[in-house]
Amino acid sequence: MTRTIPLVVFAVLVVFFGVGLLLDPSKVPSPLIDKPAPAFTLPQLHDASATISNSDMRGKVWLFNVWASWCVACRQEHPLLVDLARRNIVPIVGLNYKDERAAAIRWLQDLGDPYTVSGHDIEGRVGMDYGVYGVPETYVIDKQGFIRYKQIGPISPDVLNNDILPLVERLQKT
């Protein structure tokens, strides 16, 4: 009997891990939805003597995109962000997360810079405040500074067109 207990515990753990592998990580609910976005002030990526703060965006609907030059999935979503920025629908503020400044600037020079401004979060503190699981992540923040949507992982054209842009349009009208 006592020999079967470890086997039973192991079997239960296997079932839990198996179920976990079937879950979609982009569907992890955020406790920050419909709550005020955490306050931050960071040095700007392109000019360390200047700062960016979420309060600078008060009165605007905006996207807050967490990215890094070392992030493979960020490279996947980047052309979509560049195209969105060209269309001038919504400002995109970048949060350069745990990245070397020179590498990040070079990455944007090579691939295009969709960001109105990027904050440089070298220590990842702002990312922690926002509950970042990994990069990329994108938040839709309303005019009053409340988080209304969180996308974990790269934005796809479907997510952009079916979820994010309709929400941005509704929020811009209020």
N, C-alpha and C. Protein backbone atom coordinates (compact mmCIF):
# COMPACT_ATOMS: atom_id res chain seq x y z
N MET A 1 0.82 -1.20 0.00
CA MET A 1 0.00 0.00 0.00
C MET A 1 0.86 1.26 0.00
N THR A 2 1.85 1.33 0.87
CA THR A 2 2.69 2.53 0.93
C THR A 2 3.53 2.69 -0.33
N ARG A 3 3.75 1.62 -1.06
CA ARG A 3 4.50 1.72 -2.31
C ARG A 3 3.65 2.34 -3.41
N THR A 4 2.37 2.25 -3.33
CA THR A 4 1.50 2.79 -4.38
C THR A 4 1.26 4.28 -4.20
N ILE A 5 1.48 4.83 -3.03
CA ILE A 5 1.23 6.26 -2.80
C ILE A 5 2.11 7.13 -3.71
N PRO A 6 3.42 6.88 -3.79
CA PRO A 6 4.21 7.70 -4.71
C PRO A 6 3.75 7.55 -6.16
N LEU A 7 3.33 6.37 -6.54
CA LEU A 7 2.85 6.15 -7.90
C LEU A 7 1.58 6.95 -8.15
N VAL A 8 0.67 6.97 -7.20
CA VAL A 8 -0.57 7.72 -7.33
C VAL A 8 -0.27 9.22 -7.40
N VAL A 9 0.61 9.70 -6.54
CA VAL A 9 0.99 11.12 -6.55
C VAL A 9 1.60 11.48 -7.91
N PHE A 10 2.48 10.62 -8.41
CA PHE A 10 3.10 10.85 -9.70
C PHE A 10 2.05 10.91 -10.81
N ALA A 11 1.10 10.00 -10.79
CA ALA A 11 0.05 9.96 -11.81
C ALA A 11 -0.80 11.23 -11.77
N VAL A 12 -1.11 11.72 -10.58
CA VAL A 12 -1.89 12.95 -10.45
C VAL A 12 -1.10 14.13 -11.02
N LEU A 13 0.19 14.19 -10.71
CA LEU A 13 1.02 15.27 -11.25
C LEU A 13 1.09 15.23 -12.77
N VAL A 14 1.21 14.04 -13.33
CA VAL A 14 1.25 13.89 -14.79
C VAL A 14 -0.04 14.42 -15.40
N VAL A 15 -1.18 14.12 -14.79
CA VAL A 15 -2.47 14.59 -15.30
C VAL A 15 -2.51 16.12 -15.25
N PHE A 16 -2.10 16.72 -14.13
CA PHE A 16 -2.10 18.18 -14.02
C PHE A 16 -1.19 18.83 -15.06
N PHE A 17 0.01 18.30 -15.24
CA PHE A 17 0.92 18.85 -16.23
C PHE A 17 0.37 18.66 -17.64
N GLY A 18 -0.24 17.53 -17.90
CA GLY A 18 -0.83 17.28 -19.21
C GLY A 18 -1.94 18.26 -19.53
N VAL A 19 -2.81 18.53 -18.56
CA VAL A 19 -3.88 19.51 -18.75
C VAL A 19 -3.28 20.89 -18.98
N GLY A 20 -2.24 21.22 -18.21
CA GLY A 20 -1.59 22.52 -18.35
C GLY A 20 -1.00 22.73 -19.73
N LEU A 21 -0.47 21.69 -20.33
CA LEU A 21 0.11 21.80 -21.67
C LEU A 21 -0.95 22.06 -22.73
N LEU A 22 -2.18 21.69 -22.46
CA LEU A 22 -3.26 21.89 -23.42
C LEU A 22 -3.84 23.31 -23.36
N LEU A 23 -3.53 24.07 -22.30
CA LEU A 23 -4.08 25.41 -22.15
C LEU A 23 -3.36 26.39 -23.06
N ASP A 24 -4.08 27.39 -23.52
CA ASP A 24 -3.52 28.44 -24.37
C ASP A 24 -2.97 29.54 -23.48
N PRO A 25 -1.64 29.76 -23.47
CA PRO A 25 -1.07 30.76 -22.57
C PRO A 25 -1.53 32.18 -22.88
N SER A 26 -2.00 32.45 -24.09
CA SER A 26 -2.47 33.80 -24.40
C SER A 26 -3.84 34.07 -23.77
N LYS A 27 -4.45 33.06 -23.20
CA LYS A 27 -5.76 33.21 -22.59
C LYS A 27 -5.69 33.33 -21.07
N VAL A 28 -4.49 33.49 -20.53
CA VAL A 28 -4.34 33.64 -19.09
C VAL A 28 -5.00 34.94 -18.68
N PRO A 29 -5.98 34.89 -17.77
CA PRO A 29 -6.66 36.13 -17.39
C PRO A 29 -5.72 37.03 -16.58
N SER A 30 -5.83 38.31 -16.80
CA SER A 30 -5.01 39.26 -16.06
C SER A 30 -5.84 39.89 -14.96
N PRO A 31 -5.31 39.93 -13.74
CA PRO A 31 -6.03 40.60 -12.66
C PRO A 31 -6.05 42.12 -12.85
N LEU A 32 -5.31 42.64 -13.83
CA LEU A 32 -5.24 44.08 -14.04
C LEU A 32 -6.32 44.61 -14.99
N ILE A 33 -7.04 43.72 -15.66
CA ILE A 33 -8.08 44.18 -16.59
C ILE A 33 -9.12 44.98 -15.80
N ASP A 34 -9.47 46.14 -16.35
CA ASP A 34 -10.42 47.09 -15.76
C ASP A 34 -9.91 47.73 -14.47
N LYS A 35 -8.59 47.70 -14.28
CA LYS A 35 -7.96 48.36 -13.13
C LYS A 35 -7.01 49.43 -13.68
N PRO A 36 -6.67 50.42 -12.85
CA PRO A 36 -5.71 51.44 -13.31
C PRO A 36 -4.37 50.80 -13.67
N ALA A 37 -3.81 51.25 -14.77
CA ALA A 37 -2.49 50.78 -15.18
C ALA A 37 -1.47 51.21 -14.13
N PRO A 38 -0.56 50.32 -13.75
CA PRO A 38 0.46 50.70 -12.77
C PRO A 38 1.27 51.90 -13.26
N ALA A 39 1.51 52.83 -12.35
CA ALA A 39 2.27 54.03 -12.68
C ALA A 39 3.73 53.68 -12.93
N PHE A 40 4.33 54.40 -13.87
CA PHE A 40 5.77 54.23 -14.12
C PHE A 40 6.33 55.50 -14.71
N THR A 41 7.60 55.68 -14.50
CA THR A 41 8.41 56.68 -15.18
C THR A 41 9.73 56.00 -15.49
N LEU A 42 10.10 56.00 -16.75
CA LEU A 42 11.32 55.32 -17.21
C LEU A 42 12.13 56.24 -18.11
N PRO A 43 13.43 55.99 -18.20
CA PRO A 43 14.20 56.70 -19.22
C PRO A 43 13.74 56.24 -20.60
N GLN A 44 13.73 57.16 -21.54
CA GLN A 44 13.39 56.79 -22.90
C GLN A 44 14.53 55.98 -23.51
N LEU A 45 14.17 55.07 -24.39
CA LEU A 45 15.17 54.23 -25.04
C LEU A 45 16.15 55.06 -25.86
N HIS A 46 15.64 55.98 -26.67
CA HIS A 46 16.50 56.74 -27.57
C HIS A 46 17.21 57.92 -26.91
N ASP A 47 16.73 58.33 -25.75
CA ASP A 47 17.32 59.48 -25.06
C ASP A 47 17.21 59.24 -23.55
N ALA A 48 18.26 58.70 -22.98
CA ALA A 48 18.25 58.32 -21.56
C ALA A 48 18.07 59.52 -20.64
N SER A 49 18.28 60.74 -21.14
CA SER A 49 18.09 61.92 -20.29
C SER A 49 16.62 62.35 -20.24
N ALA A 50 15.79 61.82 -21.13
CA ALA A 50 14.36 62.11 -21.15
C ALA A 50 13.61 60.92 -20.56
N THR A 51 12.39 61.16 -20.10
CA THR A 51 11.60 60.08 -19.51
C THR A 51 10.27 59.93 -20.24
N ILE A 52 9.68 58.78 -20.03
CA ILE A 52 8.31 58.50 -20.47
C ILE A 52 7.57 57.99 -19.24
N SER A 53 6.34 58.44 -19.11
CA SER A 53 5.50 58.03 -17.99
C SER A 53 4.12 57.67 -18.53
N ASN A 54 3.45 56.76 -17.87
CA ASN A 54 2.09 56.44 -18.32
C ASN A 54 1.19 57.66 -18.18
N SER A 55 1.49 58.56 -17.26
CA SER A 55 0.67 59.77 -17.12
C SER A 55 0.79 60.69 -18.34
N ASP A 56 1.88 60.55 -19.12
CA ASP A 56 2.02 61.33 -20.36
C ASP A 56 0.93 60.97 -21.37
N MET A 57 0.35 59.79 -21.22
CA MET A 57 -0.65 59.31 -22.19
C MET A 57 -2.08 59.54 -21.71
N ARG A 58 -2.26 60.14 -20.54
CA ARG A 58 -3.60 60.38 -20.00
C ARG A 58 -4.43 61.16 -21.03
N GLY A 59 -5.67 60.75 -21.22
CA GLY A 59 -6.55 61.39 -22.18
C GLY A 59 -6.51 60.76 -23.56
N LYS A 60 -5.64 59.73 -23.73
CA LYS A 60 -5.53 59.03 -25.01
C LYS A 60 -5.76 57.55 -24.81
N VAL A 61 -6.31 56.90 -25.81
CA VAL A 61 -6.33 55.44 -25.87
C VAL A 61 -5.00 55.06 -26.50
N TRP A 62 -4.30 54.09 -25.92
CA TRP A 62 -2.98 53.74 -26.44
C TRP A 62 -2.68 52.27 -26.21
N LEU A 63 -1.74 51.77 -27.01
CA LEU A 63 -1.24 50.41 -26.84
C LEU A 63 0.09 50.49 -26.11
N PHE A 64 0.29 49.57 -25.19
CA PHE A 64 1.54 49.45 -24.45
C PHE A 64 2.11 48.10 -24.81
N ASN A 65 3.17 48.10 -25.62
CA ASN A 65 3.73 46.86 -26.16
C ASN A 65 5.08 46.57 -25.51
N VAL A 66 5.16 45.41 -24.86
CA VAL A 66 6.38 44.97 -24.20
C VAL A 66 7.18 44.16 -25.20
N TRP A 67 8.45 44.54 -25.42
CA TRP A 67 9.25 43.92 -26.47
C TRP A 67 10.73 43.91 -26.07
N ALA A 68 11.51 43.13 -26.81
CA ALA A 68 12.96 43.09 -26.62
C ALA A 68 13.62 42.64 -27.91
N SER A 69 14.84 43.08 -28.12
CA SER A 69 15.55 42.70 -29.35
C SER A 69 15.91 41.22 -29.36
N TRP A 70 16.02 40.60 -28.20
CA TRP A 70 16.38 39.18 -28.11
C TRP A 70 15.17 38.26 -28.25
N CYS A 71 14.00 38.83 -28.41
CA CYS A 71 12.73 38.08 -28.42
C CYS A 71 12.37 37.67 -29.84
N VAL A 72 12.35 36.37 -30.09
CA VAL A 72 12.01 35.84 -31.42
C VAL A 72 10.55 36.15 -31.78
N ALA A 73 9.63 35.99 -30.84
CA ALA A 73 8.21 36.26 -31.11
C ALA A 73 7.95 37.74 -31.36
N CYS A 74 8.78 38.62 -30.78
CA CYS A 74 8.64 40.06 -31.04
C CYS A 74 8.92 40.36 -32.50
N ARG A 75 9.89 39.68 -33.05
CA ARG A 75 10.23 39.84 -34.46
C ARG A 75 9.05 39.40 -35.33
N GLN A 76 8.32 38.38 -34.88
CA GLN A 76 7.16 37.87 -35.62
C GLN A 76 6.05 38.92 -35.68
N GLU A 77 5.77 39.61 -34.58
CA GLU A 77 4.66 40.56 -34.56
C GLU A 77 5.07 41.96 -35.05
N HIS A 78 6.36 42.22 -35.12
CA HIS A 78 6.85 43.58 -35.40
C HIS A 78 6.32 44.18 -36.70
N PRO A 79 6.30 43.45 -37.83
CA PRO A 79 5.76 44.05 -39.06
C PRO A 79 4.31 44.50 -38.91
N LEU A 80 3.54 43.79 -38.13
CA LEU A 80 2.15 44.18 -37.88
C LEU A 80 2.08 45.50 -37.12
N LEU A 81 2.98 45.67 -36.14
CA LEU A 81 3.01 46.93 -35.38
C LEU A 81 3.48 48.08 -36.26
N VAL A 82 4.46 47.84 -37.11
CA VAL A 82 4.95 48.88 -38.01
C VAL A 82 3.82 49.32 -38.94
N ASP A 83 3.07 48.38 -39.47
CA ASP A 83 1.94 48.70 -40.34
C ASP A 83 0.87 49.47 -39.57
N LEU A 84 0.57 49.04 -38.36
CA LEU A 84 -0.42 49.73 -37.54
C LEU A 84 0.02 51.17 -37.27
N ALA A 85 1.28 51.37 -36.97
CA ALA A 85 1.79 52.72 -36.70
C ALA A 85 1.66 53.60 -37.95
N ARG A 86 1.92 53.04 -39.12
CA ARG A 86 1.79 53.80 -40.38
C ARG A 86 0.36 54.27 -40.59
N ARG A 87 -0.60 53.45 -40.13
CA ARG A 87 -2.02 53.79 -40.30
C ARG A 87 -2.49 54.84 -39.30
N ASN A 88 -1.67 55.11 -38.28
CA ASN A 88 -1.92 56.19 -37.33
C ASN A 88 -3.29 56.08 -36.65
N ILE A 89 -3.67 54.86 -36.27
CA ILE A 89 -4.95 54.62 -35.62
C ILE A 89 -4.87 54.85 -34.12
N VAL A 90 -3.77 54.41 -33.54
CA VAL A 90 -3.61 54.47 -32.09
C VAL A 90 -2.12 54.60 -31.78
N PRO A 91 -1.75 55.44 -30.80
CA PRO A 91 -0.33 55.50 -30.44
C PRO A 91 0.12 54.20 -29.79
N ILE A 92 1.35 53.80 -30.11
CA ILE A 92 1.93 52.60 -29.54
C ILE A 92 3.15 53.03 -28.72
N VAL A 93 3.09 52.76 -27.44
CA VAL A 93 4.22 53.04 -26.55
C VAL A 93 4.92 51.71 -26.31
N GLY A 94 6.22 51.70 -26.48
CA GLY A 94 6.99 50.48 -26.27
C GLY A 94 7.57 50.42 -24.87
N LEU A 95 7.66 49.21 -24.36
CA LEU A 95 8.40 48.95 -23.12
C LEU A 95 9.51 47.98 -23.49
N ASN A 96 10.70 48.51 -23.67
CA ASN A 96 11.85 47.68 -23.99
C ASN A 96 12.28 46.99 -22.70
N TYR A 97 12.12 45.67 -22.68
CA TYR A 97 12.16 44.87 -21.46
C TYR A 97 13.45 44.08 -21.33
N LYS A 98 14.21 44.38 -20.27
CA LYS A 98 15.44 43.63 -19.94
C LYS A 98 16.35 43.47 -21.16
N ASP A 99 16.63 44.57 -21.81
CA ASP A 99 17.36 44.55 -23.06
C ASP A 99 18.49 45.57 -23.00
N GLU A 100 19.53 45.31 -23.75
CA GLU A 100 20.63 46.26 -23.87
C GLU A 100 20.19 47.40 -24.78
N ARG A 101 20.42 48.63 -24.34
CA ARG A 101 19.98 49.81 -25.07
C ARG A 101 20.47 49.80 -26.53
N ALA A 102 21.75 49.57 -26.74
CA ALA A 102 22.31 49.62 -28.10
C ALA A 102 21.68 48.55 -29.00
N ALA A 103 21.48 47.36 -28.47
CA ALA A 103 20.87 46.28 -29.26
C ALA A 103 19.43 46.63 -29.63
N ALA A 104 18.70 47.23 -28.69
CA ALA A 104 17.31 47.60 -28.95
C ALA A 104 17.21 48.69 -30.00
N ILE A 105 18.07 49.69 -29.91
CA ILE A 105 18.05 50.78 -30.88
C ILE A 105 18.42 50.25 -32.26
N ARG A 106 19.41 49.41 -32.33
CA ARG A 106 19.83 48.81 -33.62
C ARG A 106 18.68 47.99 -34.22
N TRP A 107 17.97 47.22 -33.38
CA TRP A 107 16.85 46.40 -33.82
C TRP A 107 15.76 47.27 -34.45
N LEU A 108 15.44 48.39 -33.80
CA LEU A 108 14.42 49.30 -34.35
C LEU A 108 14.90 49.97 -35.63
N GLN A 109 16.18 50.30 -35.70
CA GLN A 109 16.71 50.89 -36.94
C GLN A 109 16.62 49.90 -38.09
N ASP A 110 16.87 48.63 -37.81
CA ASP A 110 16.84 47.61 -38.86
C ASP A 110 15.43 47.22 -39.28
N LEU A 111 14.51 47.14 -38.33
CA LEU A 111 13.17 46.62 -38.61
C LEU A 111 12.07 47.67 -38.69
N GLY A 112 12.39 48.91 -38.33
CA GLY A 112 11.39 49.97 -38.30
C GLY A 112 10.94 50.21 -36.87
N ASP A 113 10.58 51.44 -36.58
CA ASP A 113 10.20 51.82 -35.22
C ASP A 113 8.72 52.24 -35.19
N PRO A 114 7.84 51.36 -34.71
CA PRO A 114 6.42 51.68 -34.68
C PRO A 114 6.01 52.50 -33.44
N TYR A 115 6.94 52.75 -32.55
CA TYR A 115 6.60 53.32 -31.25
C TYR A 115 6.63 54.84 -31.25
N THR A 116 5.63 55.42 -30.65
CA THR A 116 5.63 56.85 -30.40
C THR A 116 6.84 57.18 -29.54
N VAL A 117 7.08 56.33 -28.56
CA VAL A 117 8.24 56.40 -27.68
C VAL A 117 8.39 55.03 -27.02
N SER A 118 9.61 54.69 -26.66
CA SER A 118 9.84 53.45 -25.91
C SER A 118 10.54 53.79 -24.61
N GLY A 119 10.05 53.19 -23.53
CA GLY A 119 10.74 53.27 -22.26
C GLY A 119 11.73 52.13 -22.16
N HIS A 120 12.82 52.36 -21.47
CA HIS A 120 13.86 51.34 -21.33
C HIS A 120 13.79 50.76 -19.91
N ASP A 121 13.29 49.54 -19.80
CA ASP A 121 13.08 48.85 -18.51
C ASP A 121 14.16 47.78 -18.35
N ILE A 122 15.39 48.19 -18.15
CA ILE A 122 16.52 47.26 -18.10
C ILE A 122 16.39 46.27 -16.96
N GLU A 123 15.84 46.69 -15.83
CA GLU A 123 15.72 45.79 -14.68
C GLU A 123 14.42 45.00 -14.67
N GLY A 124 13.47 45.36 -15.51
CA GLY A 124 12.22 44.63 -15.60
C GLY A 124 11.20 44.96 -14.53
N ARG A 125 11.41 46.04 -13.80
CA ARG A 125 10.49 46.38 -12.70
C ARG A 125 9.10 46.78 -13.20
N VAL A 126 9.06 47.57 -14.25
CA VAL A 126 7.75 47.96 -14.80
C VAL A 126 7.04 46.74 -15.36
N GLY A 127 7.79 45.88 -16.03
CA GLY A 127 7.22 44.64 -16.52
C GLY A 127 6.61 43.82 -15.40
N MET A 128 7.30 43.75 -14.27
CA MET A 128 6.75 43.01 -13.11
C MET A 128 5.46 43.65 -12.62
N ASP A 129 5.44 44.99 -12.56
CA ASP A 129 4.23 45.69 -12.10
C ASP A 129 3.03 45.40 -13.00
N TYR A 130 3.30 45.19 -14.28
CA TYR A 130 2.23 44.91 -15.24
C TYR A 130 1.92 43.41 -15.34
N GLY A 131 2.63 42.60 -14.60
CA GLY A 131 2.37 41.16 -14.62
C GLY A 131 2.82 40.49 -15.90
N VAL A 132 3.93 40.98 -16.47
CA VAL A 132 4.43 40.42 -17.72
C VAL A 132 4.88 38.98 -17.49
N TYR A 133 4.34 38.06 -18.29
CA TYR A 133 4.72 36.65 -18.25
C TYR A 133 5.95 36.43 -19.13
N GLY A 134 6.03 37.17 -20.20
CA GLY A 134 7.11 37.05 -21.17
C GLY A 134 6.84 38.02 -22.30
N VAL A 135 7.79 38.18 -23.16
CA VAL A 135 7.60 39.12 -24.26
C VAL A 135 7.30 38.35 -25.55
N PRO A 136 6.52 38.93 -26.42
CA PRO A 136 5.84 40.21 -26.30
C PRO A 136 4.51 40.10 -25.54
N GLU A 137 4.10 41.20 -25.01
CA GLU A 137 2.77 41.37 -24.44
C GLU A 137 2.30 42.75 -24.82
N THR A 138 1.00 42.88 -25.00
CA THR A 138 0.42 44.16 -25.40
C THR A 138 -0.82 44.44 -24.57
N TYR A 139 -0.93 45.69 -24.15
CA TYR A 139 -2.05 46.16 -23.34
C TYR A 139 -2.76 47.27 -24.10
N VAL A 140 -4.10 47.29 -24.00
CA VAL A 140 -4.88 48.43 -24.47
C VAL A 140 -5.26 49.22 -23.23
N ILE A 141 -4.89 50.49 -23.22
CA ILE A 141 -5.14 51.35 -22.06
C ILE A 141 -6.04 52.49 -22.51
N ASP A 142 -7.09 52.75 -21.72
CA ASP A 142 -8.08 53.75 -22.11
C ASP A 142 -7.66 55.17 -21.69
N LYS A 143 -8.51 56.13 -22.00
CA LYS A 143 -8.20 57.55 -21.77
C LYS A 143 -8.01 57.88 -20.29
N GLN A 144 -8.65 57.11 -19.42
CA GLN A 144 -8.53 57.34 -17.98
C GLN A 144 -7.36 56.57 -17.36
N GLY A 145 -6.66 55.80 -18.19
CA GLY A 145 -5.50 55.07 -17.69
C GLY A 145 -5.81 53.68 -17.16
N PHE A 146 -6.95 53.11 -17.56
CA PHE A 146 -7.32 51.76 -17.14
C PHE A 146 -6.93 50.75 -18.21
N ILE A 147 -6.44 49.61 -17.78
CA ILE A 147 -6.12 48.52 -18.70
C ILE A 147 -7.43 47.84 -19.11
N ARG A 148 -7.68 47.78 -20.39
CA ARG A 148 -8.92 47.18 -20.89
C ARG A 148 -8.71 45.86 -21.62
N TYR A 149 -7.44 45.56 -21.95
CA TYR A 149 -7.17 44.33 -22.70
C TYR A 149 -5.71 43.98 -22.53
N LYS A 150 -5.42 42.68 -22.50
CA LYS A 150 -4.04 42.21 -22.45
C LYS A 150 -3.88 41.05 -23.42
N GLN A 151 -2.88 41.16 -24.29
CA GLN A 151 -2.54 40.09 -25.22
C GLN A 151 -1.20 39.52 -24.79
N ILE A 152 -1.20 38.25 -24.45
CA ILE A 152 0.04 37.56 -24.13
C ILE A 152 0.53 36.89 -25.41
N GLY A 153 1.77 37.13 -25.75
CA GLY A 153 2.32 36.58 -26.98
C GLY A 153 2.13 37.54 -28.13
N PRO A 154 2.61 37.17 -29.30
CA PRO A 154 2.55 38.07 -30.44
C PRO A 154 1.12 38.33 -30.90
N ILE A 155 0.89 39.54 -31.33
CA ILE A 155 -0.40 39.91 -31.91
C ILE A 155 -0.47 39.30 -33.31
N SER A 156 -1.57 38.66 -33.60
CA SER A 156 -1.80 38.13 -34.95
C SER A 156 -2.73 39.10 -35.68
N PRO A 157 -2.78 39.01 -37.01
CA PRO A 157 -3.74 39.86 -37.73
C PRO A 157 -5.18 39.66 -37.25
N ASP A 158 -5.55 38.41 -36.93
CA ASP A 158 -6.91 38.15 -36.44
C ASP A 158 -7.17 38.85 -35.12
N VAL A 159 -6.24 38.74 -34.18
CA VAL A 159 -6.41 39.39 -32.87
C VAL A 159 -6.47 40.90 -33.05
N LEU A 160 -5.61 41.43 -33.89
CA LEU A 160 -5.60 42.87 -34.13
C LEU A 160 -6.93 43.34 -34.69
N ASN A 161 -7.40 42.67 -35.74
CA ASN A 161 -8.61 43.11 -36.43
C ASN A 161 -9.90 42.76 -35.72
N ASN A 162 -9.93 41.66 -34.97
CA ASN A 162 -11.18 41.22 -34.34
C ASN A 162 -11.31 41.63 -32.88
N ASP A 163 -10.19 41.87 -32.20
CA ASP A 163 -10.24 42.18 -30.77
C ASP A 163 -9.72 43.59 -30.47
N ILE A 164 -8.48 43.85 -30.86
CA ILE A 164 -7.83 45.09 -30.44
C ILE A 164 -8.41 46.32 -31.12
N LEU A 165 -8.45 46.34 -32.44
CA LEU A 165 -8.92 47.55 -33.13
C LEU A 165 -10.38 47.89 -32.85
N PRO A 166 -11.31 46.92 -32.79
CA PRO A 166 -12.67 47.29 -32.41
C PRO A 166 -12.75 47.87 -30.99
N LEU A 167 -11.94 47.32 -30.07
CA LEU A 167 -11.92 47.87 -28.71
C LEU A 167 -11.35 49.28 -28.71
N VAL A 168 -10.26 49.51 -29.42
CA VAL A 168 -9.67 50.84 -29.51
C VAL A 168 -10.70 51.83 -30.06
N GLU A 169 -11.40 51.44 -31.11
CA GLU A 169 -12.41 52.32 -31.71
C GLU A 169 -13.51 52.67 -30.71
N ARG A 170 -13.98 51.67 -29.97
CA ARG A 170 -15.03 51.94 -28.96
C ARG A 170 -14.49 52.87 -27.86
N LEU A 171 -13.29 52.62 -27.41
CA LEU A 171 -12.73 53.44 -26.34
C LEU A 171 -12.45 54.87 -26.79
N GLN A 172 -12.07 55.04 -28.06
CA GLN A 172 -11.81 56.39 -28.56
C GLN A 172 -13.08 57.22 -28.65
N LYS A 173 -14.24 56.58 -28.75
CA LYS A 173 -15.51 57.29 -28.83
C LYS A 173 -16.03 57.72 -27.47
N THR A 174 -15.49 57.15 -26.40
CA THR A 174 -16.00 57.51 -25.06
C THR A 174 -15.21 58.62 -24.43
